[in-house]
Amino acid sequence: MSSLVDFANLVPLDHGLVVVSTARADGSIQSSVVNAGVLDHPVTSRPVVGLVSAGSSRRLNNLRARPRAAVVVRAGWQWAGVEGPVHLAGPDDPLGGIDAERLRLLLREIFTAAGGSHDDWDEYDRVMAAERRVAVLIEPERIYGV
């Protein structure tokens, strides 16, 4: 596999679960399991891997200091990885062209790109705002897999 389409095709096969890795200040790697999907970047319109991160997460602290990430999706023996620079958009991470309303919609778009659905979008929006959730957009600089 060598395209973002291949990555996107694997997303629904395991509920959008991926492993995302970031670099700590000491150079060691921090990894966690999150939901992610492929969508168009809200500013550049180029396809990216998107995930939502809690405003208080260590992953987010790492990305603020070192804005690069690797993300791997797998389903059975198939997998794909994406590495690249990261753009953050959130209440504490302004991104040009993204106001509060656009952020609210972007968080929904990422959630649905990862295969999520919700019965009460107003409640979803309330929780995202209360937890100061941040959109993490990974530009695909390297794409690989089998």
N, C-alpha and C. Protein backbone atom coordinates (compact mmCIF):
# COMPACT_ATOMS: atom_id res chain seq x y z
N MET A 1 0.83 -1.19 0.00
CA MET A 1 0.00 0.00 0.00
C MET A 1 0.87 1.24 0.00
N SER A 2 0.44 2.21 -0.75
CA SER A 2 1.27 3.41 -0.79
C SER A 2 0.46 4.68 -0.95
N SER A 3 -0.84 4.63 -0.75
CA SER A 3 -1.63 5.85 -0.91
C SER A 3 -2.53 6.07 0.29
N LEU A 4 -2.97 7.29 0.43
CA LEU A 4 -3.89 7.63 1.51
C LEU A 4 -5.23 6.94 1.31
N VAL A 5 -5.58 6.63 0.08
CA VAL A 5 -6.81 5.88 -0.19
C VAL A 5 -6.72 4.50 0.45
N ASP A 6 -5.56 3.87 0.35
CA ASP A 6 -5.36 2.57 0.99
C ASP A 6 -5.53 2.67 2.50
N PHE A 7 -4.99 3.72 3.10
CA PHE A 7 -5.15 3.96 4.53
C PHE A 7 -6.64 4.11 4.85
N ALA A 8 -7.32 4.96 4.09
CA ALA A 8 -8.74 5.23 4.32
C ALA A 8 -9.58 3.97 4.21
N ASN A 9 -9.23 3.08 3.29
CA ASN A 9 -9.99 1.85 3.11
C ASN A 9 -9.89 0.91 4.31
N LEU A 10 -8.82 1.02 5.09
CA LEU A 10 -8.67 0.19 6.28
C LEU A 10 -9.41 0.74 7.50
N VAL A 11 -9.67 2.03 7.51
CA VAL A 11 -10.27 2.69 8.68
C VAL A 11 -11.55 2.00 9.15
N PRO A 12 -12.54 1.75 8.27
CA PRO A 12 -13.78 1.17 8.76
C PRO A 12 -13.69 -0.30 9.18
N LEU A 13 -12.58 -0.95 8.88
CA LEU A 13 -12.47 -2.38 9.17
C LEU A 13 -12.22 -2.69 10.64
N ASP A 14 -11.82 -1.68 11.43
CA ASP A 14 -11.66 -1.87 12.89
C ASP A 14 -12.09 -0.61 13.64
N HIS A 15 -13.26 -0.10 13.28
CA HIS A 15 -13.88 1.01 14.01
C HIS A 15 -13.04 2.29 14.04
N GLY A 16 -12.18 2.48 13.06
CA GLY A 16 -11.35 3.68 13.02
C GLY A 16 -10.22 3.69 14.03
N LEU A 17 -9.96 2.55 14.66
CA LEU A 17 -8.89 2.50 15.67
C LEU A 17 -7.53 2.51 15.00
N VAL A 18 -6.66 3.38 15.49
CA VAL A 18 -5.31 3.51 14.99
C VAL A 18 -4.36 3.69 16.17
N VAL A 19 -3.08 3.52 15.92
CA VAL A 19 -2.06 3.86 16.90
C VAL A 19 -1.38 5.12 16.40
N VAL A 20 -1.34 6.14 17.25
CA VAL A 20 -0.66 7.38 16.90
C VAL A 20 0.55 7.52 17.82
N SER A 21 1.67 7.92 17.21
CA SER A 21 2.92 8.07 17.97
C SER A 21 3.45 9.48 17.82
N THR A 22 3.92 10.02 18.95
CA THR A 22 4.50 11.36 18.99
C THR A 22 5.84 11.27 19.73
N ALA A 23 6.64 12.31 19.62
CA ALA A 23 7.95 12.34 20.28
C ALA A 23 7.88 13.14 21.58
N ARG A 24 8.40 12.54 22.64
CA ARG A 24 8.54 13.25 23.91
C ARG A 24 9.76 14.17 23.86
N ALA A 25 9.88 15.04 24.84
CA ALA A 25 11.01 15.98 24.89
C ALA A 25 12.35 15.27 24.93
N ASP A 26 12.40 14.08 25.54
CA ASP A 26 13.67 13.35 25.63
C ASP A 26 13.96 12.51 24.39
N GLY A 27 13.10 12.59 23.38
CA GLY A 27 13.30 11.85 22.14
C GLY A 27 12.65 10.49 22.12
N SER A 28 12.16 10.01 23.26
CA SER A 28 11.47 8.72 23.28
C SER A 28 10.09 8.88 22.64
N ILE A 29 9.45 7.77 22.33
CA ILE A 29 8.18 7.77 21.61
C ILE A 29 7.04 7.49 22.56
N GLN A 30 5.96 8.24 22.43
CA GLN A 30 4.72 8.03 23.17
C GLN A 30 3.68 7.58 22.15
N SER A 31 3.04 6.44 22.40
CA SER A 31 2.02 5.92 21.49
C SER A 31 0.72 5.72 22.23
N SER A 32 -0.38 5.89 21.51
CA SER A 32 -1.70 5.64 22.10
C SER A 32 -2.66 5.22 21.00
N VAL A 33 -3.76 4.60 21.41
CA VAL A 33 -4.79 4.16 20.49
C VAL A 33 -5.90 5.20 20.49
N VAL A 34 -6.27 5.64 19.30
CA VAL A 34 -7.32 6.64 19.12
C VAL A 34 -8.15 6.26 17.90
N ASN A 35 -9.21 6.99 17.65
CA ASN A 35 -9.98 6.86 16.42
C ASN A 35 -9.50 7.93 15.45
N ALA A 36 -9.36 7.57 14.19
CA ALA A 36 -8.91 8.53 13.18
C ALA A 36 -9.54 8.18 11.84
N GLY A 37 -9.51 9.14 10.94
CA GLY A 37 -10.03 8.93 9.61
C GLY A 37 -9.36 9.89 8.63
N VAL A 38 -9.70 9.74 7.38
CA VAL A 38 -9.15 10.58 6.33
C VAL A 38 -10.21 11.59 5.91
N LEU A 39 -9.81 12.84 5.79
CA LEU A 39 -10.70 13.92 5.37
C LEU A 39 -9.87 15.01 4.72
N ASP A 40 -10.52 15.97 4.12
CA ASP A 40 -9.81 17.09 3.53
C ASP A 40 -9.47 18.11 4.60
N HIS A 41 -8.26 18.64 4.54
CA HIS A 41 -7.81 19.68 5.46
C HIS A 41 -8.75 20.88 5.29
N PRO A 42 -9.23 21.45 6.38
CA PRO A 42 -10.21 22.54 6.28
C PRO A 42 -9.66 23.84 5.69
N VAL A 43 -8.35 23.99 5.61
CA VAL A 43 -7.76 25.21 5.06
C VAL A 43 -7.16 24.95 3.68
N THR A 44 -6.38 23.87 3.56
CA THR A 44 -5.68 23.60 2.30
C THR A 44 -6.48 22.74 1.32
N SER A 45 -7.50 22.06 1.81
CA SER A 45 -8.33 21.11 1.04
C SER A 45 -7.57 19.85 0.62
N ARG A 46 -6.32 19.69 1.05
CA ARG A 46 -5.58 18.46 0.75
C ARG A 46 -5.99 17.37 1.74
N PRO A 47 -6.01 16.10 1.31
CA PRO A 47 -6.38 15.02 2.23
C PRO A 47 -5.35 14.84 3.34
N VAL A 48 -5.85 14.61 4.55
CA VAL A 48 -5.04 14.41 5.75
C VAL A 48 -5.64 13.30 6.59
N VAL A 49 -4.88 12.82 7.55
CA VAL A 49 -5.42 11.94 8.57
C VAL A 49 -5.80 12.84 9.74
N GLY A 50 -7.03 12.71 10.20
CA GLY A 50 -7.50 13.54 11.30
C GLY A 50 -7.87 12.71 12.51
N LEU A 51 -7.61 13.26 13.67
CA LEU A 51 -8.04 12.66 14.93
C LEU A 51 -8.36 13.79 15.89
N VAL A 52 -9.07 13.46 16.95
CA VAL A 52 -9.44 14.45 17.96
C VAL A 52 -8.71 14.10 19.25
N SER A 53 -8.09 15.09 19.85
CA SER A 53 -7.32 14.87 21.07
C SER A 53 -7.87 15.73 22.21
N ALA A 54 -7.90 15.15 23.39
CA ALA A 54 -8.30 15.91 24.58
C ALA A 54 -7.31 17.04 24.82
N GLY A 55 -7.80 18.17 25.25
CA GLY A 55 -6.97 19.34 25.47
C GLY A 55 -5.91 19.15 26.53
N SER A 56 -6.08 18.14 27.41
CA SER A 56 -5.13 17.92 28.49
C SER A 56 -4.22 16.71 28.25
N SER A 57 -4.23 16.13 27.07
CA SER A 57 -3.48 14.89 26.83
C SER A 57 -1.98 15.14 26.67
N ARG A 58 -1.20 14.15 27.03
CA ARG A 58 0.25 14.22 26.83
C ARG A 58 0.57 14.24 25.34
N ARG A 59 -0.22 13.51 24.56
CA ARG A 59 -0.04 13.50 23.10
C ARG A 59 -0.10 14.92 22.57
N LEU A 60 -1.07 15.68 23.03
CA LEU A 60 -1.23 17.05 22.55
C LEU A 60 -0.07 17.93 23.01
N ASN A 61 0.39 17.75 24.23
CA ASN A 61 1.57 18.49 24.70
C ASN A 61 2.77 18.20 23.81
N ASN A 62 2.95 16.93 23.45
CA ASN A 62 4.06 16.55 22.57
C ASN A 62 3.90 17.22 21.20
N LEU A 63 2.70 17.21 20.66
CA LEU A 63 2.48 17.78 19.33
C LEU A 63 2.63 19.29 19.32
N ARG A 64 2.28 19.94 20.40
CA ARG A 64 2.48 21.39 20.46
C ARG A 64 3.97 21.73 20.40
N ALA A 65 4.79 20.92 21.05
CA ALA A 65 6.23 21.18 21.10
C ALA A 65 6.96 20.64 19.87
N ARG A 66 6.48 19.52 19.35
CA ARG A 66 7.13 18.84 18.21
C ARG A 66 6.01 18.37 17.28
N PRO A 67 5.57 19.23 16.36
CA PRO A 67 4.37 18.95 15.55
C PRO A 67 4.59 17.98 14.39
N ARG A 68 4.92 16.74 14.74
CA ARG A 68 5.02 15.65 13.78
C ARG A 68 4.44 14.41 14.44
N ALA A 69 3.87 13.53 13.63
CA ALA A 69 3.29 12.30 14.17
C ALA A 69 3.37 11.19 13.15
N ALA A 70 3.24 9.97 13.66
CA ALA A 70 3.07 8.78 12.83
C ALA A 70 1.79 8.11 13.30
N VAL A 71 1.02 7.62 12.35
CA VAL A 71 -0.23 6.94 12.68
C VAL A 71 -0.31 5.67 11.85
N VAL A 72 -0.72 4.56 12.50
CA VAL A 72 -0.82 3.27 11.83
C VAL A 72 -2.22 2.70 12.06
N VAL A 73 -2.83 2.27 10.96
CA VAL A 73 -4.13 1.59 11.01
C VAL A 73 -3.89 0.15 10.58
N ARG A 74 -4.65 -0.80 11.17
CA ARG A 74 -4.50 -2.19 10.77
C ARG A 74 -5.84 -2.90 10.80
N ALA A 75 -5.93 -3.90 9.97
CA ALA A 75 -7.09 -4.79 9.94
C ALA A 75 -6.55 -6.15 9.53
N GLY A 76 -6.54 -7.09 10.46
CA GLY A 76 -5.92 -8.38 10.17
C GLY A 76 -4.45 -8.17 9.86
N TRP A 77 -4.01 -8.72 8.74
CA TRP A 77 -2.61 -8.59 8.35
C TRP A 77 -2.35 -7.41 7.44
N GLN A 78 -3.37 -6.64 7.14
CA GLN A 78 -3.20 -5.43 6.33
C GLN A 78 -2.97 -4.25 7.25
N TRP A 79 -2.09 -3.38 6.86
CA TRP A 79 -1.85 -2.17 7.65
C TRP A 79 -1.30 -1.09 6.75
N ALA A 80 -1.43 0.13 7.22
CA ALA A 80 -0.88 1.29 6.51
C ALA A 80 -0.43 2.31 7.54
N GLY A 81 0.67 2.97 7.24
CA GLY A 81 1.19 4.01 8.12
C GLY A 81 1.31 5.32 7.38
N VAL A 82 1.10 6.39 8.12
CA VAL A 82 1.25 7.75 7.60
C VAL A 82 2.11 8.52 8.59
N GLU A 83 3.11 9.24 8.07
CA GLU A 83 3.94 10.12 8.90
C GLU A 83 3.94 11.50 8.28
N GLY A 84 4.03 12.51 9.14
CA GLY A 84 4.16 13.85 8.62
C GLY A 84 3.94 14.94 9.64
N PRO A 85 4.03 16.17 9.16
CA PRO A 85 3.80 17.32 10.04
C PRO A 85 2.33 17.40 10.44
N VAL A 86 2.11 18.05 11.56
CA VAL A 86 0.77 18.14 12.16
C VAL A 86 0.33 19.59 12.25
N HIS A 87 -0.94 19.83 11.94
CA HIS A 87 -1.59 21.11 12.21
C HIS A 87 -2.61 20.87 13.31
N LEU A 88 -2.66 21.77 14.27
CA LEU A 88 -3.62 21.69 15.38
C LEU A 88 -4.64 22.81 15.23
N ALA A 89 -5.89 22.48 15.55
CA ALA A 89 -6.96 23.48 15.57
C ALA A 89 -7.81 23.23 16.80
N GLY A 90 -7.81 24.17 17.70
CA GLY A 90 -8.59 24.01 18.92
C GLY A 90 -8.70 25.31 19.68
N PRO A 91 -9.40 25.28 20.80
CA PRO A 91 -9.61 26.51 21.56
C PRO A 91 -8.31 27.14 22.05
N ASP A 92 -7.29 26.32 22.29
CA ASP A 92 -5.99 26.84 22.72
C ASP A 92 -4.94 26.74 21.62
N ASP A 93 -5.36 26.32 20.45
CA ASP A 93 -4.46 26.11 19.31
C ASP A 93 -5.09 26.70 18.06
N PRO A 94 -5.09 28.02 17.95
CA PRO A 94 -5.74 28.64 16.79
C PRO A 94 -5.05 28.26 15.48
N LEU A 95 -5.87 28.04 14.46
CA LEU A 95 -5.38 27.76 13.12
C LEU A 95 -6.07 28.74 12.20
N GLY A 96 -5.29 29.51 11.45
CA GLY A 96 -5.84 30.52 10.56
C GLY A 96 -6.93 29.95 9.67
N GLY A 97 -8.05 30.64 9.59
CA GLY A 97 -9.17 30.20 8.77
C GLY A 97 -10.17 29.32 9.50
N ILE A 98 -9.89 29.00 10.77
CA ILE A 98 -10.78 28.14 11.55
C ILE A 98 -11.31 28.94 12.75
N ASP A 99 -12.56 29.37 12.66
CA ASP A 99 -13.19 30.04 13.79
C ASP A 99 -13.91 29.00 14.65
N ALA A 100 -14.58 29.43 15.71
CA ALA A 100 -15.22 28.51 16.65
C ALA A 100 -16.28 27.64 15.96
N GLU A 101 -17.05 28.22 15.07
CA GLU A 101 -18.08 27.44 14.37
C GLU A 101 -17.44 26.41 13.44
N ARG A 102 -16.40 26.81 12.72
CA ARG A 102 -15.73 25.86 11.82
C ARG A 102 -15.07 24.75 12.61
N LEU A 103 -14.51 25.06 13.79
CA LEU A 103 -13.92 24.04 14.65
C LEU A 103 -14.98 23.05 15.11
N ARG A 104 -16.13 23.54 15.52
CA ARG A 104 -17.23 22.65 15.95
C ARG A 104 -17.56 21.65 14.85
N LEU A 105 -17.68 22.14 13.63
CA LEU A 105 -18.00 21.26 12.50
C LEU A 105 -16.84 20.34 12.16
N LEU A 106 -15.61 20.83 12.26
CA LEU A 106 -14.43 20.02 11.96
C LEU A 106 -14.33 18.83 12.91
N LEU A 107 -14.59 19.05 14.19
CA LEU A 107 -14.54 17.94 15.16
C LEU A 107 -15.57 16.88 14.79
N ARG A 108 -16.72 17.29 14.33
CA ARG A 108 -17.73 16.33 13.86
C ARG A 108 -17.24 15.59 12.62
N GLU A 109 -16.63 16.32 11.69
CA GLU A 109 -16.14 15.70 10.45
C GLU A 109 -15.09 14.64 10.73
N ILE A 110 -14.20 14.92 11.65
CA ILE A 110 -13.17 13.95 12.01
C ILE A 110 -13.81 12.72 12.64
N PHE A 111 -14.75 12.93 13.54
CA PHE A 111 -15.45 11.83 14.21
C PHE A 111 -16.15 10.94 13.18
N THR A 112 -16.84 11.52 12.23
CA THR A 112 -17.54 10.71 11.23
C THR A 112 -16.56 10.07 10.25
N ALA A 113 -15.44 10.74 9.93
CA ALA A 113 -14.43 10.14 9.05
C ALA A 113 -13.83 8.89 9.69
N ALA A 114 -13.81 8.86 11.02
CA ALA A 114 -13.30 7.71 11.75
C ALA A 114 -14.37 6.64 11.93
N GLY A 115 -15.55 6.86 11.36
CA GLY A 115 -16.62 5.87 11.44
C GLY A 115 -17.62 6.11 12.54
N GLY A 116 -17.50 7.23 13.25
CA GLY A 116 -18.41 7.50 14.35
C GLY A 116 -19.74 8.08 13.89
N SER A 117 -20.73 7.89 14.73
CA SER A 117 -22.03 8.52 14.55
C SER A 117 -22.53 8.91 15.93
N HIS A 118 -23.51 9.80 15.97
CA HIS A 118 -23.98 10.28 17.27
C HIS A 118 -25.47 10.56 17.19
N ASP A 119 -26.18 10.23 18.27
CA ASP A 119 -27.63 10.47 18.33
C ASP A 119 -27.97 11.88 18.79
N ASP A 120 -27.00 12.56 19.40
CA ASP A 120 -27.25 13.89 19.95
C ASP A 120 -26.03 14.78 19.68
N TRP A 121 -26.01 15.41 18.50
CA TRP A 121 -24.86 16.22 18.12
C TRP A 121 -24.66 17.42 19.03
N ASP A 122 -25.74 17.95 19.59
CA ASP A 122 -25.58 19.07 20.52
C ASP A 122 -24.79 18.63 21.76
N GLU A 123 -25.07 17.44 22.25
CA GLU A 123 -24.33 16.91 23.40
C GLU A 123 -22.88 16.64 23.01
N TYR A 124 -22.65 16.09 21.83
CA TYR A 124 -21.29 15.87 21.34
C TYR A 124 -20.52 17.19 21.34
N ASP A 125 -21.13 18.23 20.76
CA ASP A 125 -20.48 19.55 20.71
C ASP A 125 -20.18 20.08 22.11
N ARG A 126 -21.11 19.89 23.04
CA ARG A 126 -20.93 20.36 24.41
C ARG A 126 -19.73 19.68 25.06
N VAL A 127 -19.62 18.36 24.90
CA VAL A 127 -18.51 17.61 25.50
C VAL A 127 -17.18 18.02 24.85
N MET A 128 -17.16 18.17 23.54
CA MET A 128 -15.93 18.57 22.86
C MET A 128 -15.44 19.92 23.39
N ALA A 129 -16.36 20.86 23.56
CA ALA A 129 -16.00 22.18 24.06
C ALA A 129 -15.54 22.11 25.51
N ALA A 130 -16.26 21.35 26.35
CA ALA A 130 -15.92 21.25 27.77
C ALA A 130 -14.54 20.62 27.97
N GLU A 131 -14.19 19.66 27.11
CA GLU A 131 -12.90 18.98 27.23
C GLU A 131 -11.80 19.66 26.41
N ARG A 132 -12.14 20.82 25.83
CA ARG A 132 -11.19 21.60 25.04
C ARG A 132 -10.50 20.74 23.99
N ARG A 133 -11.31 19.93 23.30
CA ARG A 133 -10.80 19.00 22.29
C ARG A 133 -10.17 19.75 21.13
N VAL A 134 -9.17 19.11 20.54
CA VAL A 134 -8.37 19.71 19.48
C VAL A 134 -8.38 18.80 18.26
N ALA A 135 -8.55 19.39 17.09
CA ALA A 135 -8.42 18.65 15.84
C ALA A 135 -6.93 18.52 15.52
N VAL A 136 -6.48 17.30 15.29
CA VAL A 136 -5.11 17.00 14.93
C VAL A 136 -5.13 16.54 13.47
N LEU A 137 -4.46 17.27 12.61
CA LEU A 137 -4.47 16.99 11.17
C LEU A 137 -3.05 16.64 10.73
N ILE A 138 -2.85 15.40 10.30
CA ILE A 138 -1.53 14.90 9.93
C ILE A 138 -1.41 14.91 8.41
N GLU A 139 -0.46 15.71 7.92
CA GLU A 139 -0.20 15.76 6.48
C GLU A 139 0.61 14.54 6.07
N PRO A 140 0.18 13.80 5.06
CA PRO A 140 0.87 12.58 4.66
C PRO A 140 2.17 12.85 3.88
N GLU A 141 3.25 12.94 4.61
CA GLU A 141 4.56 13.13 3.99
C GLU A 141 5.13 11.77 3.53
N ARG A 142 4.88 10.74 4.34
CA ARG A 142 5.27 9.36 4.00
C ARG A 142 4.06 8.47 4.23
N ILE A 143 3.81 7.55 3.28
CA ILE A 143 2.72 6.59 3.38
C ILE A 143 3.30 5.22 3.02
N TYR A 144 3.02 4.22 3.84
CA TYR A 144 3.58 2.91 3.59
C TYR A 144 2.69 1.84 4.21
N GLY A 145 2.93 0.59 3.88
CA GLY A 145 2.18 -0.51 4.48
C GLY A 145 2.17 -1.73 3.60
N VAL A 146 1.42 -2.74 4.05
CA VAL A 146 1.29 -3.99 3.30
C VAL A 146 -0.16 -4.44 3.27
